[in-house]
Amino acid sequence: MTEILPETERIRRVVVAALEERKAVDLRVLDVRGLTSVTDLMVIASGTSDRHVKALADNVLERTREAGVRPLGVEGERAAEWVLVDLGDVVVHLMLPRVREFYQLEKLWSGGPGEALAAEGP
């Protein structure tokens, strides 16, 4: 298994800290490098309501911009049932629990080289 690049690790730390700051629920970081060429890491977390999901997304965007990282795209902000923040090497999925249960992204993307990376911050 290859090591995660320092810039990717830096972005992961910023994202995890931003999510922990806003009390994200069931935070997971998946290493998907062996499964897709689209991204290296997927961060998946739940919010307790659509407002909470939106607040989580807003904080991720604010903290990553402060760290000099511009998102490639953001989807789902209006309904805030599932917000996707594409940061290139790190893709963040923020979901309501029922949406997360339905799509089961952890199962879909399991089996990567370092599937269960620690979610702890800096």
PDB file of N, CA and C in Angstrom:
ATOM      1  N   MET A   1       0.839  -1.181   0.000  1.00  0.00           N
ATOM      2  CA  MET A   1       0.000   0.000   0.000  1.00  0.00           C
ATOM      3  C   MET A   1       0.878   1.235   0.000  1.00  0.00           C
ATOM      4  N   THR A   2       0.548   2.184  -0.854  1.00  0.00           N
ATOM      5  CA  THR A   2       1.300   3.422  -0.901  1.00  0.00           C
ATOM      6  C   THR A   2       0.807   4.376   0.172  1.00  0.00           C
ATOM      7  N   GLU A   3       1.684   5.264   0.565  1.00  0.00           N
ATOM      8  CA  GLU A   3       1.353   6.234   1.595  1.00  0.00           C
ATOM      9  C   GLU A   3       0.484   7.345   1.013  1.00  0.00           C
ATOM     10  N   ILE A   4      -0.404   7.872   1.830  1.00  0.00           N
ATOM     11  CA  ILE A   4      -1.238   8.989   1.408  1.00  0.00           C
ATOM     12  C   ILE A   4      -0.354  10.223   1.290  1.00  0.00           C
ATOM     13  N   LEU A   5      -0.508  10.957   0.206  1.00  0.00           N
ATOM     14  CA  LEU A   5       0.298  12.143  -0.032  1.00  0.00           C
ATOM     15  C   LEU A   5       0.065  13.187   1.059  1.00  0.00           C
ATOM     16  N   PRO A   6       1.096  13.952   1.415  1.00  0.00           N
ATOM     17  CA  PRO A   6       0.967  14.943   2.495  1.00  0.00           C
ATOM     18  C   PRO A   6      -0.172  15.943   2.278  1.00  0.00           C
ATOM     19  N   GLU A   7      -0.384  16.402   1.055  1.00  0.00           N
ATOM     20  CA  GLU A   7      -1.459  17.367   0.802  1.00  0.00           C
ATOM     21  C   GLU A   7      -2.828  16.722   1.024  1.00  0.00           C
ATOM     22  N   THR A   8      -2.986  15.480   0.621  1.00  0.00           N
ATOM     23  CA  THR A   8      -4.245  14.768   0.840  1.00  0.00           C
ATOM     24  C   THR A   8      -4.487  14.587   2.332  1.00  0.00           C
ATOM     25  N   GLU A   9      -3.442  14.248   3.064  1.00  0.00           N
ATOM     26  CA  GLU A   9      -3.542  14.087   4.516  1.00  0.00           C
ATOM     27  C   GLU A   9      -3.898  15.419   5.178  1.00  0.00           C
ATOM     28  N   ARG A  10      -3.319  16.505   4.697  1.00  0.00           N
ATOM     29  CA  ARG A  10      -3.623  17.832   5.244  1.00  0.00           C
ATOM     30  C   ARG A  10      -5.100  18.167   5.033  1.00  0.00           C
ATOM     31  N   ILE A  11      -5.613  17.901   3.841  1.00  0.00           N
ATOM     32  CA  ILE A  11      -7.030  18.166   3.556  1.00  0.00           C
ATOM     33  C   ILE A  11      -7.913  17.284   4.437  1.00  0.00           C
ATOM     34  N   ARG A  12      -7.537  16.008   4.588  1.00  0.00           N
ATOM     35  CA  ARG A  12      -8.303  15.102   5.454  1.00  0.00           C
ATOM     36  C   ARG A  12      -8.400  15.658   6.867  1.00  0.00           C
ATOM     37  N   ARG A  13      -7.289  16.136   7.378  1.00  0.00           N
ATOM     38  CA  ARG A  13      -7.276  16.671   8.744  1.00  0.00           C
ATOM     39  C   ARG A  13      -8.174  17.898   8.880  1.00  0.00           C
ATOM     40  N   VAL A  14      -8.127  18.784   7.895  1.00  0.00           N
ATOM     41  CA  VAL A  14      -8.974  19.986   7.917  1.00  0.00           C
ATOM     42  C   VAL A  14     -10.447  19.592   7.887  1.00  0.00           C
ATOM     43  N   VAL A  15     -10.796  18.662   7.004  1.00  0.00           N
ATOM     44  CA  VAL A  15     -12.192  18.216   6.866  1.00  0.00           C
ATOM     45  C   VAL A  15     -12.672  17.559   8.156  1.00  0.00           C
ATOM     46  N   VAL A  16     -11.892  16.650   8.687  1.00  0.00           N
ATOM     47  CA  VAL A  16     -12.289  15.945   9.911  1.00  0.00           C
ATOM     48  C   VAL A  16     -12.456  16.927  11.064  1.00  0.00           C
ATOM     49  N   ALA A  17     -11.528  17.862  11.197  1.00  0.00           N
ATOM     50  CA  ALA A  17     -11.628  18.865  12.267  1.00  0.00           C
ATOM     51  C   ALA A  17     -12.886  19.715  12.097  1.00  0.00           C
ATOM     52  N   ALA A  18     -13.195  20.103  10.859  1.00  0.00           N
ATOM     53  CA  ALA A  18     -14.392  20.906  10.590  1.00  0.00           C
ATOM     54  C   ALA A  18     -15.654  20.138  10.952  1.00  0.00           C
ATOM     55  N   LEU A  19     -15.682  18.856  10.645  1.00  0.00           N
ATOM     56  CA  LEU A  19     -16.855  18.033  10.946  1.00  0.00           C
ATOM     57  C   LEU A  19     -16.982  17.788  12.450  1.00  0.00           C
ATOM     58  N   GLU A  20     -15.867  17.535  13.099  1.00  0.00           N
ATOM     59  CA  GLU A  20     -15.909  17.332  14.553  1.00  0.00           C
ATOM     60  C   GLU A  20     -16.335  18.606  15.265  1.00  0.00           C
ATOM     61  N   GLU A  21     -15.919  19.746  14.748  1.00  0.00           N
ATOM     62  CA  GLU A  21     -16.273  21.051  15.316  1.00  0.00           C
ATOM     63  C   GLU A  21     -17.783  21.248  15.335  1.00  0.00           C
ATOM     64  N   ARG A  22     -18.479  20.732  14.335  1.00  0.00           N
ATOM     65  CA  ARG A  22     -19.936  20.884  14.228  1.00  0.00           C
ATOM     66  C   ARG A  22     -20.682  19.617  14.643  1.00  0.00           C
ATOM     67  N   LYS A  23     -19.978  18.724  15.325  1.00  0.00           N
ATOM     68  CA  LYS A  23     -20.601  17.526  15.916  1.00  0.00           C
ATOM     69  C   LYS A  23     -21.207  16.576  14.896  1.00  0.00           C
ATOM     70  N   ALA A  24     -20.461  16.253  13.849  1.00  0.00           N
ATOM     71  CA  ALA A  24     -20.903  15.260  12.871  1.00  0.00           C
ATOM     72  C   ALA A  24     -21.101  13.914  13.569  1.00  0.00           C
ATOM     73  N   VAL A  25     -22.033  13.143  13.058  1.00  0.00           N
ATOM     74  CA  VAL A  25     -22.368  11.845  13.622  1.00  0.00           C
ATOM     75  C   VAL A  25     -21.764  10.740  12.750  1.00  0.00           C
ATOM     76  N   ASP A  26     -21.203   9.715  13.390  1.00  0.00           N
ATOM     77  CA  ASP A  26     -20.684   8.522  12.705  1.00  0.00           C
ATOM     78  C   ASP A  26     -19.730   8.882  11.560  1.00  0.00           C
ATOM     79  N   LEU A  27     -18.692   9.612  11.895  1.00  0.00           N
ATOM     80  CA  LEU A  27     -17.696  10.077  10.941  1.00  0.00           C
ATOM     81  C   LEU A  27     -16.772   8.938  10.525  1.00  0.00           C
ATOM     82  N   ARG A  28     -16.645   8.732   9.224  1.00  0.00           N
ATOM     83  CA  ARG A  28     -15.778   7.675   8.679  1.00  0.00           C
ATOM     84  C   ARG A  28     -14.910   8.236   7.571  1.00  0.00           C
ATOM     85  N   VAL A  29     -13.689   7.747   7.485  1.00  0.00           N
ATOM     86  CA  VAL A  29     -12.792   8.088   6.385  1.00  0.00           C
ATOM     87  C   VAL A  29     -12.424   6.790   5.680  1.00  0.00           C
ATOM     88  N   LEU A  30     -12.699   6.711   4.385  1.00  0.00           N
ATOM     89  CA  LEU A  30     -12.407   5.509   3.604  1.00  0.00           C
ATOM     90  C   LEU A  30     -11.297   5.796   2.602  1.00  0.00           C
ATOM     91  N   ASP A  31     -10.331   4.919   2.557  1.00  0.00           N
ATOM     92  CA  ASP A  31      -9.256   4.986   1.566  1.00  0.00           C
ATOM     93  C   ASP A  31      -9.734   4.191   0.357  1.00  0.00           C
ATOM     94  N   VAL A  32      -9.999   4.879  -0.751  1.00  0.00           N
ATOM     95  CA  VAL A  32     -10.561   4.231  -1.936  1.00  0.00           C
ATOM     96  C   VAL A  32      -9.581   4.234  -3.109  1.00  0.00           C
ATOM     97  N   ARG A  33      -8.306   4.433  -2.824  1.00  0.00           N
ATOM     98  CA  ARG A  33      -7.307   4.516  -3.893  1.00  0.00           C
ATOM     99  C   ARG A  33      -7.255   3.270  -4.760  1.00  0.00           C
ATOM    100  N   GLY A  34      -7.491   2.120  -4.210  1.00  0.00           N
ATOM    101  CA  GLY A  34      -7.449   0.894  -4.992  1.00  0.00           C
ATOM    102  C   GLY A  34      -8.745   0.594  -5.727  1.00  0.00           C
ATOM    103  N   LEU A  35      -9.771   1.415  -5.503  1.00  0.00           N
ATOM    104  CA  LEU A  35     -11.087   1.142  -6.067  1.00  0.00           C
ATOM    105  C   LEU A  35     -11.514   2.128  -7.150  1.00  0.00           C
ATOM    106  N   THR A  36     -10.940   3.313  -7.152  1.00  0.00           N
ATOM    107  CA  THR A  36     -11.319   4.335  -8.127  1.00  0.00           C
ATOM    108  C   THR A  36     -10.154   5.288  -8.365  1.00  0.00           C
ATOM    109  N   SER A  37     -10.136   5.886  -9.539  1.00  0.00           N
ATOM    110  CA  SER A  37      -9.122   6.890  -9.830  1.00  0.00           C
ATOM    111  C   SER A  37      -9.688   8.302  -9.637  1.00  0.00           C
ATOM    112  N   VAL A  38     -10.933   8.397  -9.237  1.00  0.00           N
ATOM    113  CA  VAL A  38     -11.602   9.684  -9.083  1.00  0.00           C
ATOM    114  C   VAL A  38     -11.107  10.442  -7.856  1.00  0.00           C
ATOM    115  N   THR A  39     -10.840   9.732  -6.777  1.00  0.00           N
ATOM    116  CA  THR A  39     -10.418  10.357  -5.523  1.00  0.00           C
ATOM    117  C   THR A  39      -9.602   9.360  -4.715  1.00  0.00           C
ATOM    118  N   ASP A  40      -8.913   9.852  -3.699  1.00  0.00           N
ATOM    119  CA  ASP A  40      -8.130   8.981  -2.819  1.00  0.00           C
ATOM    120  C   ASP A  40      -8.894   8.616  -1.550  1.00  0.00           C
ATOM    121  N   LEU A  41      -9.556   9.613  -0.970  1.00  0.00           N
ATOM    122  CA  LEU A  41     -10.266   9.398   0.283  1.00  0.00           C
ATOM    123  C   LEU A  41     -11.703   9.859   0.177  1.00  0.00           C
ATOM    124  N   MET A  42     -12.590   9.131   0.848  1.00  0.00           N
ATOM    125  CA  MET A  42     -13.974   9.565   0.998  1.00  0.00           C
ATOM    126  C   MET A  42     -14.237   9.733   2.481  1.00  0.00           C
ATOM    127  N   VAL A  43     -14.783  10.877   2.808  1.00  0.00           N
ATOM    128  CA  VAL A  43     -15.182  11.148   4.182  1.00  0.00           C
ATOM    129  C   VAL A  43     -16.704  11.105   4.186  1.00  0.00           C
ATOM    130  N   ILE A  44     -17.252  10.301   5.079  1.00  0.00           N
ATOM    131  CA  ILE A  44     -18.707  10.130   5.168  1.00  0.00           C
ATOM    132  C   ILE A  44     -19.125  10.449   6.594  1.00  0.00           C
ATOM    133  N   ALA A  45     -20.151  11.286   6.729  1.00  0.00           N
ATOM    134  CA  ALA A  45     -20.662  11.629   8.055  1.00  0.00           C
ATOM    135  C   ALA A  45     -22.151  11.928   7.945  1.00  0.00           C
ATOM    136  N   SER A  46     -22.820  11.833   9.084  1.00  0.00           N
ATOM    137  CA  SER A  46     -24.248  12.124   9.137  1.00  0.00           C
ATOM    138  C   SER A  46     -24.495  13.383   9.940  1.00  0.00           C
ATOM    139  N   GLY A  47     -25.614  14.018   9.609  1.00  0.00           N
ATOM    140  CA  GLY A  47     -26.127  15.125  10.397  1.00  0.00           C
ATOM    141  C   GLY A  47     -27.481  14.713  10.951  1.00  0.00           C
ATOM    142  N   THR A  48     -27.908  15.359  12.012  1.00  0.00           N
ATOM    143  CA  THR A  48     -29.139  14.960  12.680  1.00  0.00           C
ATOM    144  C   THR A  48     -30.390  15.548  12.025  1.00  0.00           C
ATOM    145  N   SER A  49     -30.214  16.532  11.153  1.00  0.00           N
ATOM    146  CA  SER A  49     -31.324  17.163  10.437  1.00  0.00           C
ATOM    147  C   SER A  49     -30.763  17.788   9.164  1.00  0.00           C
ATOM    148  N   ASP A  50     -31.657  18.251   8.283  1.00  0.00           N
ATOM    149  CA  ASP A  50     -31.159  18.900   7.074  1.00  0.00           C
ATOM    150  C   ASP A  50     -30.376  20.165   7.415  1.00  0.00           C
ATOM    151  N   ARG A  51     -30.776  20.871   8.456  1.00  0.00           N
ATOM    152  CA  ARG A  51     -30.031  22.064   8.892  1.00  0.00           C
ATOM    153  C   ARG A  51     -28.632  21.687   9.387  1.00  0.00           C
ATOM    154  N   HIS A  52     -28.546  20.583  10.096  1.00  0.00           N
ATOM    155  CA  HIS A  52     -27.251  20.124  10.594  1.00  0.00           C
ATOM    156  C   HIS A  52     -26.351  19.712   9.436  1.00  0.00           C
ATOM    157  N   VAL A  53     -26.896  18.983   8.459  1.00  0.00           N
ATOM    158  CA  VAL A  53     -26.122  18.585   7.277  1.00  0.00           C
ATOM    159  C   VAL A  53     -25.600  19.834   6.565  1.00  0.00           C
ATOM    160  N   LYS A  54     -26.453  20.840   6.410  1.00  0.00           N
ATOM    161  CA  LYS A  54     -26.053  22.092   5.757  1.00  0.00           C
ATOM    162  C   LYS A  54     -24.957  22.796   6.559  1.00  0.00           C
ATOM    163  N   ALA A  55     -25.103  22.828   7.881  1.00  0.00           N
ATOM    164  CA  ALA A  55     -24.089  23.455   8.739  1.00  0.00           C
ATOM    165  C   ALA A  55     -22.750  22.722   8.636  1.00  0.00           C
ATOM    166  N   LEU A  56     -22.807  21.395   8.573  1.00  0.00           N
ATOM    167  CA  LEU A  56     -21.578  20.608   8.403  1.00  0.00           C
ATOM    168  C   LEU A  56     -20.894  20.969   7.088  1.00  0.00           C
ATOM    169  N   ALA A  57     -21.672  21.016   6.012  1.00  0.00           N
ATOM    170  CA  ALA A  57     -21.122  21.342   4.697  1.00  0.00           C
ATOM    171  C   ALA A  57     -20.539  22.754   4.685  1.00  0.00           C
ATOM    172  N   ASP A  58     -21.281  23.698   5.248  1.00  0.00           N
ATOM    173  CA  ASP A  58     -20.794  25.078   5.293  1.00  0.00           C
ATOM    174  C   ASP A  58     -19.480  25.178   6.046  1.00  0.00           C
ATOM    175  N   ASN A  59     -19.356  24.449   7.147  1.00  0.00           N
ATOM    176  CA  ASN A  59     -18.124  24.511   7.931  1.00  0.00           C
ATOM    177  C   ASN A  59     -16.961  23.864   7.189  1.00  0.00           C
ATOM    178  N   VAL A  60     -17.219  22.760   6.499  1.00  0.00           N
ATOM    179  CA  VAL A  60     -16.167  22.137   5.685  1.00  0.00           C
ATOM    180  C   VAL A  60     -15.691  23.123   4.620  1.00  0.00           C
ATOM    181  N   LEU A  61     -16.635  23.761   3.944  1.00  0.00           N
ATOM    182  CA  LEU A  61     -16.272  24.721   2.901  1.00  0.00           C
ATOM    183  C   LEU A  61     -15.487  25.900   3.468  1.00  0.00           C
ATOM    184  N   GLU A  62     -15.932  26.416   4.598  1.00  0.00           N
ATOM    185  CA  GLU A  62     -15.246  27.549   5.225  1.00  0.00           C
ATOM    186  C   GLU A  62     -13.820  27.174   5.647  1.00  0.00           C
ATOM    187  N   ARG A  63     -13.684  26.047   6.328  1.00  0.00           N
ATOM    188  CA  ARG A  63     -12.366  25.642   6.842  1.00  0.00           C
ATOM    189  C   ARG A  63     -11.403  25.266   5.709  1.00  0.00           C
ATOM    190  N   THR A  64     -11.903  24.605   4.684  1.00  0.00           N
ATOM    191  CA  THR A  64     -11.003  24.245   3.578  1.00  0.00           C
ATOM    192  C   THR A  64     -10.583  25.488   2.801  1.00  0.00           C
ATOM    193  N   ARG A  65     -11.485  26.425   2.620  1.00  0.00           N
ATOM    194  CA  ARG A  65     -11.108  27.678   1.939  1.00  0.00           C
ATOM    195  C   ARG A  65     -10.066  28.433   2.750  1.00  0.00           C
ATOM    196  N   GLU A  66     -10.242  28.456   4.079  1.00  0.00           N
ATOM    197  CA  GLU A  66      -9.247  29.089   4.950  1.00  0.00           C
ATOM    198  C   GLU A  66      -7.886  28.421   4.809  1.00  0.00           C
ATOM    199  N   ALA A  67      -7.910  27.116   4.528  1.00  0.00           N
ATOM    200  CA  ALA A  67      -6.665  26.347   4.363  1.00  0.00           C
ATOM    201  C   ALA A  67      -6.131  26.431   2.930  1.00  0.00           C
ATOM    202  N   GLY A  68      -6.790  27.227   2.088  1.00  0.00           N
ATOM    203  CA  GLY A  68      -6.321  27.412   0.720  1.00  0.00           C
ATOM    204  C   GLY A  68      -6.761  26.343  -0.258  1.00  0.00           C
ATOM    205  N   VAL A  69      -7.786  25.588   0.103  1.00  0.00           N
ATOM    206  CA  VAL A  69      -8.296  24.524  -0.759  1.00  0.00           C
ATOM    207  C   VAL A  69      -9.633  24.964  -1.333  1.00  0.00           C
ATOM    208  N   ARG A  70      -9.715  24.984  -2.649  1.00  0.00           N
ATOM    209  CA  ARG A  70     -10.974  25.357  -3.310  1.00  0.00           C
ATOM    210  C   ARG A  70     -11.698  24.085  -3.743  1.00  0.00           C
ATOM    211  N   PRO A  71     -12.990  24.013  -3.434  1.00  0.00           N
ATOM    212  CA  PRO A  71     -13.745  22.831  -3.863  1.00  0.00           C
ATOM    213  C   PRO A  71     -13.902  22.803  -5.378  1.00  0.00           C
ATOM    214  N   LEU A  72     -13.857  21.607  -5.939  1.00  0.00           N
ATOM    215  CA  LEU A  72     -14.118  21.437  -7.364  1.00  0.00           C
ATOM    216  C   LEU A  72     -15.608  21.501  -7.652  1.00  0.00           C
ATOM    217  N   GLY A  73     -16.400  21.169  -6.640  1.00  0.00           N
ATOM    218  CA  GLY A  73     -17.846  21.214  -6.795  1.00  0.00           C
ATOM    219  C   GLY A  73     -18.542  20.905  -5.487  1.00  0.00           C
ATOM    220  N   VAL A  74     -19.777  21.378  -5.392  1.00  0.00           N
ATOM    221  CA  VAL A  74     -20.631  21.109  -4.234  1.00  0.00           C
ATOM    222  C   VAL A  74     -22.014  20.806  -4.788  1.00  0.00           C
ATOM    223  N   GLU A  75     -22.597  19.707  -4.343  1.00  0.00           N
ATOM    224  CA  GLU A  75     -23.920  19.293  -4.815  1.00  0.00           C
ATOM    225  C   GLU A  75     -24.831  19.016  -3.626  1.00  0.00           C
ATOM    226  N   GLY A  76     -26.115  19.335  -3.785  1.00  0.00           N
ATOM    227  CA  GLY A  76     -27.119  18.955  -2.804  1.00  0.00           C
ATOM    228  C   GLY A  76     -27.353  19.940  -1.682  1.00  0.00           C
ATOM    229  N   GLU A  77     -26.791  21.127  -1.770  1.00  0.00           N
ATOM    230  CA  GLU A  77     -26.930  22.090  -0.670  1.00  0.00           C
ATOM    231  C   GLU A  77     -28.370  22.533  -0.428  1.00  0.00           C
ATOM    232  N   ARG A  78     -29.144  22.631  -1.476  1.00  0.00           N
ATOM    233  CA  ARG A  78     -30.510  23.156  -1.316  1.00  0.00           C
ATOM    234  C   ARG A  78     -31.358  22.242  -0.436  1.00  0.00           C
ATOM    235  N   ALA A  79     -31.448  20.960  -0.776  1.00  0.00           N
ATOM    236  CA  ALA A  79     -32.267  20.028   0.006  1.00  0.00           C
ATOM    237  C   ALA A  79     -31.550  19.599   1.283  1.00  0.00           C
ATOM    238  N   ALA A  80     -30.232  19.535   1.234  1.00  0.00           N
ATOM    239  CA  ALA A  80     -29.382  19.185   2.382  1.00  0.00           C
ATOM    240  C   ALA A  80     -29.716  17.829   2.997  1.00  0.00           C
ATOM    241  N   GLU A  81     -30.178  16.896   2.168  1.00  0.00           N
ATOM    242  CA  GLU A  81     -30.340  15.522   2.630  1.00  0.00           C
ATOM    243  C   GLU A  81     -29.051  14.754   2.394  1.00  0.00           C
ATOM    244  N   TRP A  82     -28.351  15.113   1.325  1.00  0.00           N
ATOM    245  CA  TRP A  82     -27.051  14.534   0.987  1.00  0.00           C
ATOM    246  C   TRP A  82     -26.267  15.635   0.288  1.00  0.00           C
ATOM    247  N   VAL A  83     -25.239  16.121   0.941  1.00  0.00           N
ATOM    248  CA  VAL A  83     -24.387  17.154   0.356  1.00  0.00           C
ATOM    249  C   VAL A  83     -23.041  16.512   0.046  1.00  0.00           C
ATOM    250  N   LEU A  84     -22.599  16.691  -1.186  1.00  0.00           N
ATOM    251  CA  LEU A  84     -21.312  16.177  -1.624  1.00  0.00           C
ATOM    252  C   LEU A  84     -20.384  17.374  -1.846  1.00  0.00           C
ATOM    253  N   VAL A  85     -19.212  17.331  -1.220  1.00  0.00           N
ATOM    254  CA  VAL A  85     -18.194  18.363  -1.404  1.00  0.00           C
ATOM    255  C   VAL A  85     -16.988  17.685  -2.044  1.00  0.00           C
ATOM    256  N   ASP A  86     -16.681  18.070  -3.270  1.00  0.00           N
ATOM    257  CA  ASP A  86     -15.567  17.483  -4.015  1.00  0.00           C
ATOM    258  C   ASP A  86     -14.339  18.370  -3.846  1.00  0.00           C
ATOM    259  N   LEU A  87     -13.355  17.847  -3.126  1.00  0.00           N
ATOM    260  CA  LEU A  87     -12.104  18.565  -2.893  1.00  0.00           C
ATOM    261  C   LEU A  87     -10.953  17.926  -3.668  1.00  0.00           C
ATOM    262  N   GLY A  88     -11.292  17.177  -4.697  1.00  0.00           N
ATOM    263  CA  GLY A  88     -10.278  16.516  -5.511  1.00  0.00           C
ATOM    264  C   GLY A  88      -9.872  15.183  -4.913  1.00  0.00           C
ATOM    265  N   ASP A  89      -8.778  15.168  -4.196  1.00  0.00           N
ATOM    266  CA  ASP A  89      -8.292  13.921  -3.601  1.00  0.00           C
ATOM    267  C   ASP A  89      -9.099  13.476  -2.397  1.00  0.00           C
ATOM    268  N   VAL A  90      -9.971  14.344  -1.915  1.00  0.00           N
ATOM    269  CA  VAL A  90     -10.866  14.026  -0.799  1.00  0.00           C
ATOM    270  C   VAL A  90     -12.279  14.435  -1.209  1.00  0.00           C
ATOM    271  N   VAL A  91     -13.206  13.472  -1.143  1.00  0.00           N
ATOM    272  CA  VAL A  91     -14.612  13.755  -1.432  1.00  0.00           C
ATOM    273  C   VAL A  91     -15.391  13.539  -0.139  1.00  0.00           C
ATOM    274  N   VAL A  92     -16.221  14.516   0.202  1.00  0.00           N
ATOM    275  CA  VAL A  92     -16.960  14.490   1.461  1.00  0.00           C
ATOM    276  C   VAL A  92     -18.441  14.266   1.171  1.00  0.00           C
ATOM    277  N   HIS A  93     -19.023  13.264   1.841  1.00  0.00           N
ATOM    278  CA  HIS A  93     -20.453  12.955   1.728  1.00  0.00           C
ATOM    279  C   HIS A  93     -21.083  13.224   3.098  1.00  0.00           C
ATOM    280  N   LEU A  94     -22.017  14.157   3.141  1.00  0.00           N
ATOM    281  CA  LEU A  94     -22.721  14.490   4.376  1.00  0.00           C
ATOM    282  C   LEU A  94     -24.190  14.170   4.161  1.00  0.00           C
ATOM    283  N   MET A  95     -24.745  13.319   5.026  1.00  0.00           N
ATOM    284  CA  MET A  95     -26.069  12.769   4.755  1.00  0.00           C
ATOM    285  C   MET A  95     -26.935  12.697   6.002  1.00  0.00           C
ATOM    286  N   LEU A  96     -28.239  12.721   5.756  1.00  0.00           N
ATOM    287  CA  LEU A  96     -29.173  12.367   6.812  1.00  0.00           C
ATOM    288  C   LEU A  96     -29.046  10.864   7.051  1.00  0.00           C
ATOM    289  N   PRO A  97     -29.276  10.392   8.260  1.00  0.00           N
ATOM    290  CA  PRO A  97     -29.128   8.955   8.543  1.00  0.00           C
ATOM    291  C   PRO A  97     -29.941   8.053   7.628  1.00  0.00           C
ATOM    292  N   ARG A  98     -31.179   8.415   7.304  1.00  0.00           N
ATOM    293  CA  ARG A  98     -32.014   7.555   6.442  1.00  0.00           C
ATOM    294  C   ARG A  98     -31.437   7.476   5.026  1.00  0.00           C
ATOM    295  N   VAL A  99     -30.869   8.555   4.538  1.00  0.00           N
ATOM    296  CA  VAL A  99     -30.260   8.564   3.208  1.00  0.00           C
ATOM    297  C   VAL A  99     -28.989   7.718   3.237  1.00  0.00           C
ATOM    298  N   ARG A 100     -28.232   7.861   4.292  1.00  0.00           N
ATOM    299  CA  ARG A 100     -26.998   7.084   4.436  1.00  0.00           C
ATOM    300  C   ARG A 100     -27.290   5.595   4.516  1.00  0.00           C
ATOM    301  N   GLU A 101     -28.317   5.240   5.248  1.00  0.00           N
ATOM    302  CA  GLU A 101     -28.711   3.832   5.369  1.00  0.00           C
ATOM    303  C   GLU A 101     -29.152   3.282   4.016  1.00  0.00           C
ATOM    304  N   PHE A 102     -29.883   4.072   3.253  1.00  0.00           N
ATOM    305  CA  PHE A 102     -30.385   3.626   1.958  1.00  0.00           C
ATOM    306  C   PHE A 102     -29.239   3.373   0.971  1.00  0.00           C
ATOM    307  N   TYR A 103     -28.302   4.297   0.867  1.00  0.00           N
ATOM    308  CA  TYR A 103     -27.231   4.180  -0.129  1.00  0.00           C
ATOM    309  C   TYR A 103     -26.044   3.335   0.332  1.00  0.00           C
ATOM    310  N   GLN A 104     -25.816   3.237   1.613  1.00  0.00           N
ATOM    311  CA  GLN A 104     -24.767   2.384   2.188  1.00  0.00           C
ATOM    312  C   GLN A 104     -23.419   2.544   1.478  1.00  0.00           C
ATOM    313  N   LEU A 105     -22.945   3.776   1.419  1.00  0.00           N
ATOM    314  CA  LEU A 105     -21.678   4.047   0.738  1.00  0.00           C
ATOM    315  C   LEU A 105     -20.507   3.282   1.340  1.00  0.00           C
ATOM    316  N   GLU A 106     -20.528   3.084   2.646  1.00  0.00           N
ATOM    317  CA  GLU A 106     -19.427   2.346   3.270  1.00  0.00           C
ATOM    318  C   GLU A 106     -19.317   0.937   2.693  1.00  0.00           C
ATOM    319  N   LYS A 107     -20.435   0.285   2.457  1.00  0.00           N
ATOM    320  CA  LYS A 107     -20.402  -1.055   1.862  1.00  0.00           C
ATOM    321  C   LYS A 107     -19.989  -0.996   0.400  1.00  0.00           C
ATOM    322  N   LEU A 108     -20.508  -0.007  -0.313  1.00  0.00           N
ATOM    323  CA  LEU A 108     -20.190   0.143  -1.731  1.00  0.00           C
ATOM    324  C   LEU A 108     -18.694   0.345  -1.949  1.00  0.00           C
ATOM    325  N   TRP A 109     -18.058   1.124  -1.086  1.00  0.00           N
ATOM    326  CA  TRP A 109     -16.650   1.475  -1.269  1.00  0.00           C
ATOM    327  C   TRP A 109     -15.721   0.725  -0.330  1.00  0.00           C
ATOM    328  N   SER A 110     -16.170  -0.330   0.298  1.00  0.00           N
ATOM    329  CA  SER A 110     -15.294  -1.079   1.200  1.00  0.00           C
ATOM    330  C   SER A 110     -14.296  -1.905   0.399  1.00  0.00           C
ATOM    331  N   GLY A 111     -13.210  -2.227   1.024  1.00  0.00           N
ATOM    332  CA  GLY A 111     -12.218  -3.080   0.376  1.00  0.00           C
ATOM    333  C   GLY A 111     -11.016  -2.356  -0.174  1.00  0.00           C
ATOM    334  N   GLY A 112     -10.932  -1.036   0.063  1.00  0.00           N
ATOM    335  CA  GLY A 112      -9.762  -0.289  -0.376  1.00  0.00           C
ATOM    336  C   GLY A 112      -8.545  -0.677   0.440  1.00  0.00           C
ATOM    337  N   PRO A 113      -7.363  -0.236   0.046  1.00  0.00           N
ATOM    338  CA  PRO A 113      -6.131  -0.634   0.710  1.00  0.00           C
ATOM    339  C   PRO A 113      -6.066  -0.238   2.176  1.00  0.00           C
ATOM    340  N   GLY A 114      -6.669   0.835   2.547  1.00  0.00           N
ATOM    341  CA  GLY A 114      -6.640   1.276   3.934  1.00  0.00           C
ATOM    342  C   GLY A 114      -8.016   1.674   4.376  1.00  0.00           C
ATOM    343  N   GLU A 115      -8.984   0.834   4.063  1.00  0.00           N
ATOM    344  CA  GLU A 115     -10.396   1.141   4.186  1.00  0.00           C
ATOM    345  C   GLU A 115     -10.764   1.876   5.469  1.00  0.00           C
ATOM    346  N   ALA A 116     -10.281   1.420   6.596  1.00  0.00           N
ATOM    347  CA  ALA A 116     -10.709   2.006   7.856  1.00  0.00           C
ATOM    348  C   ALA A 116      -9.661   2.953   8.416  1.00  0.00           C
ATOM    349  N   LEU A 117      -9.448   4.044   7.745  1.00  0.00           N
ATOM    350  CA  LEU A 117      -8.511   5.055   8.241  1.00  0.00           C
ATOM    351  C   LEU A 117      -9.097   5.706   9.474  1.00  0.00           C
ATOM    352  N   ALA A 118      -8.253   6.107  10.369  1.00  0.00           N
ATOM    353  CA  ALA A 118      -8.723   6.811  11.562  1.00  0.00           C
ATOM    354  C   ALA A 118      -9.279   8.155  11.160  1.00  0.00           C
ATOM    355  N   ALA A 119     -10.380   8.538  11.771  1.00  0.00           N
ATOM    356  CA  ALA A 119     -11.004   9.809  11.447  1.00  0.00           C
ATOM    357  C   ALA A 119     -10.487  10.936  12.323  1.00  0.00           C
ATOM    358  N   GLU A 120      -9.606  10.599  13.290  1.00  0.00           N
ATOM    359  CA  GLU A 120      -9.194  11.636  14.228  1.00  0.00           C
ATOM    360  C   GLU A 120      -8.527  12.804  13.504  1.00  0.00           C
ATOM    361  N   GLY A 121      -8.737  13.962  14.086  1.00  0.00           N
ATOM    362  CA  GLY A 121      -8.223  15.205  13.511  1.00  0.00           C
ATOM    363  C   GLY A 121      -6.732  15.354  13.706  1.00  0.00           C
ATOM    364  N   PRO A 122      -6.285  16.616  13.699  1.00  0.00           N
ATOM    365  CA  PRO A 122      -4.847  16.925  13.765  1.00  0.00           C
ATOM    366  C   PRO A 122      -4.122  16.325  14.939  1.00  0.00           C
TER     367      PRO A 122
END
